[in-house]
Amino acid sequence: MLAFIGNLYGHATATPSLELHDFNYAIGLFGLGLVATVVASICGYLNFLAAQRQLSDSFALLKARSTTGMAAPNYAGKSTRNGAFVFGIASLALFVSGVISVICILSSY
């Protein structure tokens, strides 16, 4: 996005028709998409850690399990997996809405 704006100003005439403040909304959407991507990757990492912890606990306590074979629910794994999914979808939606806002800005000029 910033390279595109720099290219517009690099090839523009003395008075460019597009200003930097025209892209504030699109840059904000892309920035929020980057933040959502970072949060999704942190949630994915925490989900991996929870899965590894549950796997190591199940191997350590294999002989001590009850005869029913039911394990304790993994709430940390479910919440981090859901968080990674939600923030991943949010980052994609923010990226698409940023692209749509740039298209609307360019089509108006």
N, C-alpha and C. Protein backbone atom coordinates (compact mmCIF):
# COMPACT_ATOMS: atom_id res chain seq x y z
N MET A 1 0.83 -1.18 0.00
CA MET A 1 0.00 0.00 0.00
C MET A 1 0.87 1.25 0.00
N LEU A 2 1.87 1.27 0.87
CA LEU A 2 2.74 2.44 0.93
C LEU A 2 3.57 2.59 -0.34
N ALA A 3 3.98 1.46 -0.93
CA ALA A 3 4.71 1.54 -2.20
C ALA A 3 3.82 2.07 -3.31
N PHE A 4 2.55 1.70 -3.30
CA PHE A 4 1.61 2.20 -4.30
C PHE A 4 1.42 3.71 -4.16
N ILE A 5 1.28 4.18 -2.94
CA ILE A 5 1.11 5.62 -2.71
C ILE A 5 2.37 6.37 -3.11
N GLY A 6 3.54 5.80 -2.78
CA GLY A 6 4.79 6.42 -3.19
C GLY A 6 4.93 6.48 -4.70
N ASN A 7 4.47 5.45 -5.39
CA ASN A 7 4.51 5.44 -6.84
C ASN A 7 3.57 6.50 -7.42
N LEU A 8 2.41 6.70 -6.80
CA LEU A 8 1.49 7.74 -7.27
C LEU A 8 2.13 9.12 -7.15
N TYR A 9 2.79 9.37 -6.02
CA TYR A 9 3.44 10.66 -5.82
C TYR A 9 4.69 10.81 -6.67
N GLY A 10 5.34 9.69 -6.99
CA GLY A 10 6.55 9.76 -7.81
C GLY A 10 6.26 10.09 -9.25
N HIS A 11 5.12 9.67 -9.76
CA HIS A 11 4.76 9.90 -11.16
C HIS A 11 3.70 10.98 -11.33
N ALA A 12 3.37 11.65 -10.28
CA ALA A 12 2.29 12.64 -10.33
C ALA A 12 2.81 13.97 -10.88
N THR A 13 1.88 14.78 -11.24
CA THR A 13 2.21 16.12 -11.70
C THR A 13 2.45 17.02 -10.49
N ALA A 14 2.54 18.30 -10.70
CA ALA A 14 2.81 19.23 -9.60
C ALA A 14 1.70 19.20 -8.56
N THR A 15 0.45 19.03 -8.98
CA THR A 15 -0.66 18.92 -8.04
C THR A 15 -1.31 17.54 -8.22
N PRO A 16 -0.99 16.57 -7.38
CA PRO A 16 -1.57 15.23 -7.54
C PRO A 16 -3.07 15.24 -7.24
N SER A 17 -3.81 14.43 -7.97
CA SER A 17 -5.26 14.36 -7.75
C SER A 17 -5.60 13.53 -6.51
N LEU A 18 -4.73 12.63 -6.14
CA LEU A 18 -4.94 11.83 -4.93
C LEU A 18 -4.00 12.31 -3.84
N GLU A 19 -4.54 12.46 -2.66
CA GLU A 19 -3.75 12.89 -1.51
C GLU A 19 -3.55 11.70 -0.57
N LEU A 20 -2.61 11.84 0.32
CA LEU A 20 -2.32 10.77 1.27
C LEU A 20 -3.49 10.52 2.22
N HIS A 21 -4.19 11.57 2.61
CA HIS A 21 -5.33 11.41 3.53
C HIS A 21 -6.48 10.67 2.89
N ASP A 22 -6.50 10.54 1.56
CA ASP A 22 -7.53 9.75 0.90
C ASP A 22 -7.41 8.27 1.24
N PHE A 23 -6.21 7.84 1.58
CA PHE A 23 -5.95 6.42 1.85
C PHE A 23 -5.91 6.10 3.34
N ASN A 24 -6.28 7.02 4.21
CA ASN A 24 -6.22 6.77 5.65
C ASN A 24 -7.08 5.58 6.07
N TYR A 25 -8.27 5.48 5.55
CA TYR A 25 -9.17 4.39 5.91
C TYR A 25 -8.61 3.05 5.45
N ALA A 26 -8.09 3.00 4.22
CA ALA A 26 -7.53 1.76 3.69
C ALA A 26 -6.28 1.34 4.47
N ILE A 27 -5.42 2.29 4.79
CA ILE A 27 -4.22 1.98 5.56
C ILE A 27 -4.60 1.50 6.96
N GLY A 28 -5.62 2.09 7.55
CA GLY A 28 -6.11 1.63 8.85
C GLY A 28 -6.63 0.21 8.80
N LEU A 29 -7.37 -0.14 7.73
CA LEU A 29 -7.87 -1.51 7.59
C LEU A 29 -6.73 -2.50 7.42
N PHE A 30 -5.74 -2.15 6.61
CA PHE A 30 -4.60 -3.04 6.43
C PHE A 30 -3.81 -3.18 7.73
N GLY A 31 -3.68 -2.10 8.48
CA GLY A 31 -2.99 -2.16 9.77
C GLY A 31 -3.71 -3.05 10.76
N LEU A 32 -5.04 -2.93 10.83
CA LEU A 32 -5.83 -3.81 11.70
C LEU A 32 -5.74 -5.26 11.26
N GLY A 33 -5.66 -5.47 9.94
CA GLY A 33 -5.48 -6.83 9.43
C GLY A 33 -4.15 -7.42 9.84
N LEU A 34 -3.10 -6.60 9.87
CA LEU A 34 -1.80 -7.08 10.34
C LEU A 34 -1.84 -7.43 11.82
N VAL A 35 -2.52 -6.61 12.61
CA VAL A 35 -2.64 -6.89 14.04
C VAL A 35 -3.43 -8.18 14.25
N ALA A 36 -4.50 -8.38 13.49
CA ALA A 36 -5.29 -9.60 13.62
C ALA A 36 -4.47 -10.83 13.21
N THR A 37 -3.60 -10.68 12.22
CA THR A 37 -2.74 -11.78 11.80
C THR A 37 -1.75 -12.16 12.90
N VAL A 38 -1.18 -11.15 13.54
CA VAL A 38 -0.24 -11.42 14.64
C VAL A 38 -0.95 -12.10 15.80
N VAL A 39 -2.14 -11.65 16.14
CA VAL A 39 -2.90 -12.26 17.24
C VAL A 39 -3.29 -13.70 16.86
N ALA A 40 -3.65 -13.93 15.60
CA ALA A 40 -4.00 -15.28 15.17
C ALA A 40 -2.80 -16.21 15.25
N SER A 41 -1.62 -15.73 14.90
CA SER A 41 -0.44 -16.59 14.99
C SER A 41 -0.06 -16.85 16.44
N ILE A 42 -0.25 -15.88 17.32
CA ILE A 42 0.00 -16.11 18.75
C ILE A 42 -0.98 -17.15 19.29
N CYS A 43 -2.24 -17.05 18.91
CA CYS A 43 -3.23 -18.05 19.34
C CYS A 43 -2.89 -19.43 18.77
N GLY A 44 -2.43 -19.49 17.54
CA GLY A 44 -2.02 -20.77 16.97
C GLY A 44 -0.85 -21.38 17.71
N TYR A 45 0.11 -20.55 18.09
CA TYR A 45 1.25 -21.04 18.86
C TYR A 45 0.81 -21.55 20.23
N LEU A 46 -0.06 -20.82 20.89
CA LEU A 46 -0.56 -21.26 22.19
C LEU A 46 -1.39 -22.53 22.07
N ASN A 47 -2.11 -22.69 20.97
CA ASN A 47 -2.86 -23.91 20.72
C ASN A 47 -1.91 -25.09 20.56
N PHE A 48 -0.80 -24.87 19.85
CA PHE A 48 0.20 -25.92 19.69
C PHE A 48 0.79 -26.32 21.04
N LEU A 49 1.09 -25.34 21.88
CA LEU A 49 1.63 -25.64 23.20
C LEU A 49 0.63 -26.43 24.05
N ALA A 50 -0.63 -26.05 23.98
CA ALA A 50 -1.65 -26.77 24.74
C ALA A 50 -1.80 -28.20 24.25
N ALA A 51 -1.72 -28.40 22.94
CA ALA A 51 -1.82 -29.75 22.40
C ALA A 51 -0.62 -30.59 22.81
N GLN A 52 0.57 -30.00 22.79
CA GLN A 52 1.75 -30.73 23.21
C GLN A 52 1.71 -31.08 24.69
N ARG A 53 1.21 -30.16 25.51
CA ARG A 53 1.08 -30.42 26.94
C ARG A 53 0.09 -31.55 27.19
N GLN A 54 -1.02 -31.52 26.47
CA GLN A 54 -2.02 -32.57 26.66
C GLN A 54 -1.48 -33.91 26.19
N LEU A 55 -0.71 -33.92 25.11
CA LEU A 55 -0.13 -35.16 24.62
C LEU A 55 0.90 -35.73 25.60
N SER A 56 1.74 -34.87 26.15
CA SER A 56 2.73 -35.36 27.11
C SER A 56 2.07 -35.82 28.41
N ASP A 57 1.02 -35.14 28.82
CA ASP A 57 0.29 -35.57 30.02
C ASP A 57 -0.41 -36.92 29.80
N SER A 58 -0.93 -37.13 28.60
CA SER A 58 -1.62 -38.39 28.34
C SER A 58 -0.63 -39.55 28.30
N PHE A 59 0.58 -39.32 27.83
CA PHE A 59 1.58 -40.39 27.85
C PHE A 59 2.08 -40.66 29.27
N ALA A 60 2.23 -39.59 30.06
CA ALA A 60 2.72 -39.76 31.42
C ALA A 60 1.70 -40.45 32.31
N LEU A 61 0.44 -40.19 32.08
CA LEU A 61 -0.62 -40.74 32.94
C LEU A 61 -1.39 -41.87 32.27
N LEU A 62 -0.78 -42.54 31.29
CA LEU A 62 -1.49 -43.55 30.53
C LEU A 62 -1.95 -44.70 31.43
N LYS A 63 -1.09 -45.11 32.34
CA LYS A 63 -1.45 -46.23 33.22
C LYS A 63 -2.41 -45.81 34.33
N ALA A 64 -2.46 -44.53 34.64
CA ALA A 64 -3.29 -44.07 35.74
C ALA A 64 -4.70 -43.67 35.32
N ARG A 65 -5.01 -43.81 34.06
CA ARG A 65 -6.35 -43.44 33.59
C ARG A 65 -7.41 -44.36 34.15
N SER A 66 -8.60 -43.85 34.20
CA SER A 66 -9.71 -44.67 34.68
C SER A 66 -10.10 -45.68 33.61
N THR A 67 -10.94 -46.59 33.97
CA THR A 67 -11.35 -47.63 33.01
C THR A 67 -12.29 -47.09 31.96
N THR A 68 -12.86 -45.91 32.17
CA THR A 68 -13.77 -45.35 31.17
C THR A 68 -13.02 -44.81 29.98
N GLY A 69 -11.76 -44.43 30.16
CA GLY A 69 -10.97 -43.93 29.06
C GLY A 69 -11.26 -42.48 28.69
N MET A 70 -12.01 -41.80 29.52
CA MET A 70 -12.34 -40.41 29.23
C MET A 70 -11.24 -39.50 29.76
N ALA A 71 -10.81 -38.58 28.94
CA ALA A 71 -9.78 -37.62 29.35
C ALA A 71 -10.45 -36.32 29.78
N ALA A 72 -9.69 -35.53 30.49
CA ALA A 72 -10.19 -34.21 30.91
C ALA A 72 -10.33 -33.31 29.69
N PRO A 73 -11.36 -32.48 29.64
CA PRO A 73 -11.52 -31.59 28.48
C PRO A 73 -10.38 -30.57 28.40
N ASN A 74 -10.02 -30.24 27.19
CA ASN A 74 -8.92 -29.31 26.94
C ASN A 74 -9.50 -27.95 26.58
N TYR A 75 -9.85 -27.16 27.60
CA TYR A 75 -10.47 -25.87 27.36
C TYR A 75 -9.48 -24.86 26.79
N ALA A 76 -8.22 -24.93 27.22
CA ALA A 76 -7.21 -24.00 26.70
C ALA A 76 -6.98 -24.24 25.22
N GLY A 77 -6.94 -25.48 24.80
CA GLY A 77 -6.75 -25.79 23.39
C GLY A 77 -7.92 -25.34 22.54
N LYS A 78 -9.12 -25.53 23.05
CA LYS A 78 -10.30 -25.12 22.28
C LYS A 78 -10.39 -23.62 22.15
N SER A 79 -10.10 -22.89 23.22
CA SER A 79 -10.22 -21.43 23.15
C SER A 79 -9.14 -20.83 22.26
N THR A 80 -7.91 -21.36 22.32
CA THR A 80 -6.86 -20.81 21.46
C THR A 80 -7.10 -21.19 20.00
N ARG A 81 -7.64 -22.37 19.75
CA ARG A 81 -7.97 -22.76 18.38
C ARG A 81 -9.07 -21.87 17.82
N ASN A 82 -10.10 -21.62 18.63
CA ASN A 82 -11.18 -20.73 18.19
C ASN A 82 -10.68 -19.31 18.00
N GLY A 83 -9.79 -18.85 18.87
CA GLY A 83 -9.22 -17.51 18.73
C GLY A 83 -8.40 -17.38 17.46
N ALA A 84 -7.60 -18.41 17.15
CA ALA A 84 -6.82 -18.38 15.91
C ALA A 84 -7.73 -18.35 14.70
N PHE A 85 -8.80 -19.12 14.75
CA PHE A 85 -9.74 -19.14 13.62
C PHE A 85 -10.43 -17.79 13.44
N VAL A 86 -10.91 -17.22 14.53
CA VAL A 86 -11.63 -15.94 14.45
C VAL A 86 -10.72 -14.83 13.97
N PHE A 87 -9.52 -14.74 14.53
CA PHE A 87 -8.62 -13.67 14.12
C PHE A 87 -8.06 -13.90 12.71
N GLY A 88 -7.93 -15.15 12.29
CA GLY A 88 -7.52 -15.42 10.91
C GLY A 88 -8.58 -14.97 9.91
N ILE A 89 -9.83 -15.27 10.21
CA ILE A 89 -10.93 -14.83 9.34
C ILE A 89 -11.04 -13.30 9.37
N ALA A 90 -10.84 -12.71 10.55
CA ALA A 90 -10.91 -11.25 10.66
C ALA A 90 -9.81 -10.58 9.83
N SER A 91 -8.61 -11.16 9.83
CA SER A 91 -7.53 -10.57 9.05
C SER A 91 -7.82 -10.65 7.56
N LEU A 92 -8.40 -11.77 7.12
CA LEU A 92 -8.78 -11.87 5.70
C LEU A 92 -9.88 -10.88 5.34
N ALA A 93 -10.85 -10.73 6.22
CA ALA A 93 -11.95 -9.79 5.96
C ALA A 93 -11.43 -8.35 5.93
N LEU A 94 -10.51 -8.02 6.83
CA LEU A 94 -9.95 -6.67 6.83
C LEU A 94 -9.12 -6.40 5.58
N PHE A 95 -8.38 -7.40 5.12
CA PHE A 95 -7.61 -7.24 3.90
C PHE A 95 -8.53 -7.01 2.71
N VAL A 96 -9.58 -7.81 2.60
CA VAL A 96 -10.51 -7.66 1.47
C VAL A 96 -11.22 -6.32 1.54
N SER A 97 -11.62 -5.88 2.72
CA SER A 97 -12.28 -4.58 2.83
C SER A 97 -11.30 -3.45 2.54
N GLY A 98 -10.02 -3.61 2.87
CA GLY A 98 -9.01 -2.61 2.50
C GLY A 98 -8.84 -2.51 1.01
N VAL A 99 -8.82 -3.66 0.34
CA VAL A 99 -8.71 -3.66 -1.13
C VAL A 99 -9.93 -3.01 -1.76
N ILE A 100 -11.10 -3.31 -1.23
CA ILE A 100 -12.33 -2.70 -1.76
C ILE A 100 -12.32 -1.20 -1.55
N SER A 101 -11.82 -0.74 -0.40
CA SER A 101 -11.79 0.71 -0.18
C SER A 101 -10.79 1.40 -1.10
N VAL A 102 -9.67 0.74 -1.41
CA VAL A 102 -8.73 1.32 -2.38
C VAL A 102 -9.36 1.37 -3.76
N ILE A 103 -10.09 0.34 -4.14
CA ILE A 103 -10.76 0.33 -5.45
C ILE A 103 -11.79 1.46 -5.51
N CYS A 104 -12.52 1.67 -4.42
CA CYS A 104 -13.50 2.77 -4.40
C CYS A 104 -12.82 4.13 -4.49
N ILE A 105 -11.68 4.27 -3.84
CA ILE A 105 -10.95 5.54 -3.91
C ILE A 105 -10.45 5.79 -5.33
N LEU A 106 -9.87 4.75 -5.95
CA LEU A 106 -9.33 4.94 -7.29
C LEU A 106 -10.43 5.11 -8.34
N SER A 107 -11.57 4.48 -8.14
CA SER A 107 -12.64 4.62 -9.12
C SER A 107 -13.33 5.99 -9.05
N SER A 108 -13.20 6.65 -7.91
CA SER A 108 -13.84 7.97 -7.81
C SER A 108 -13.01 9.06 -8.49
N TYR A 109 -11.74 8.76 -8.80
CA TYR A 109 -10.91 9.77 -9.47
C TYR A 109 -10.78 9.52 -10.91
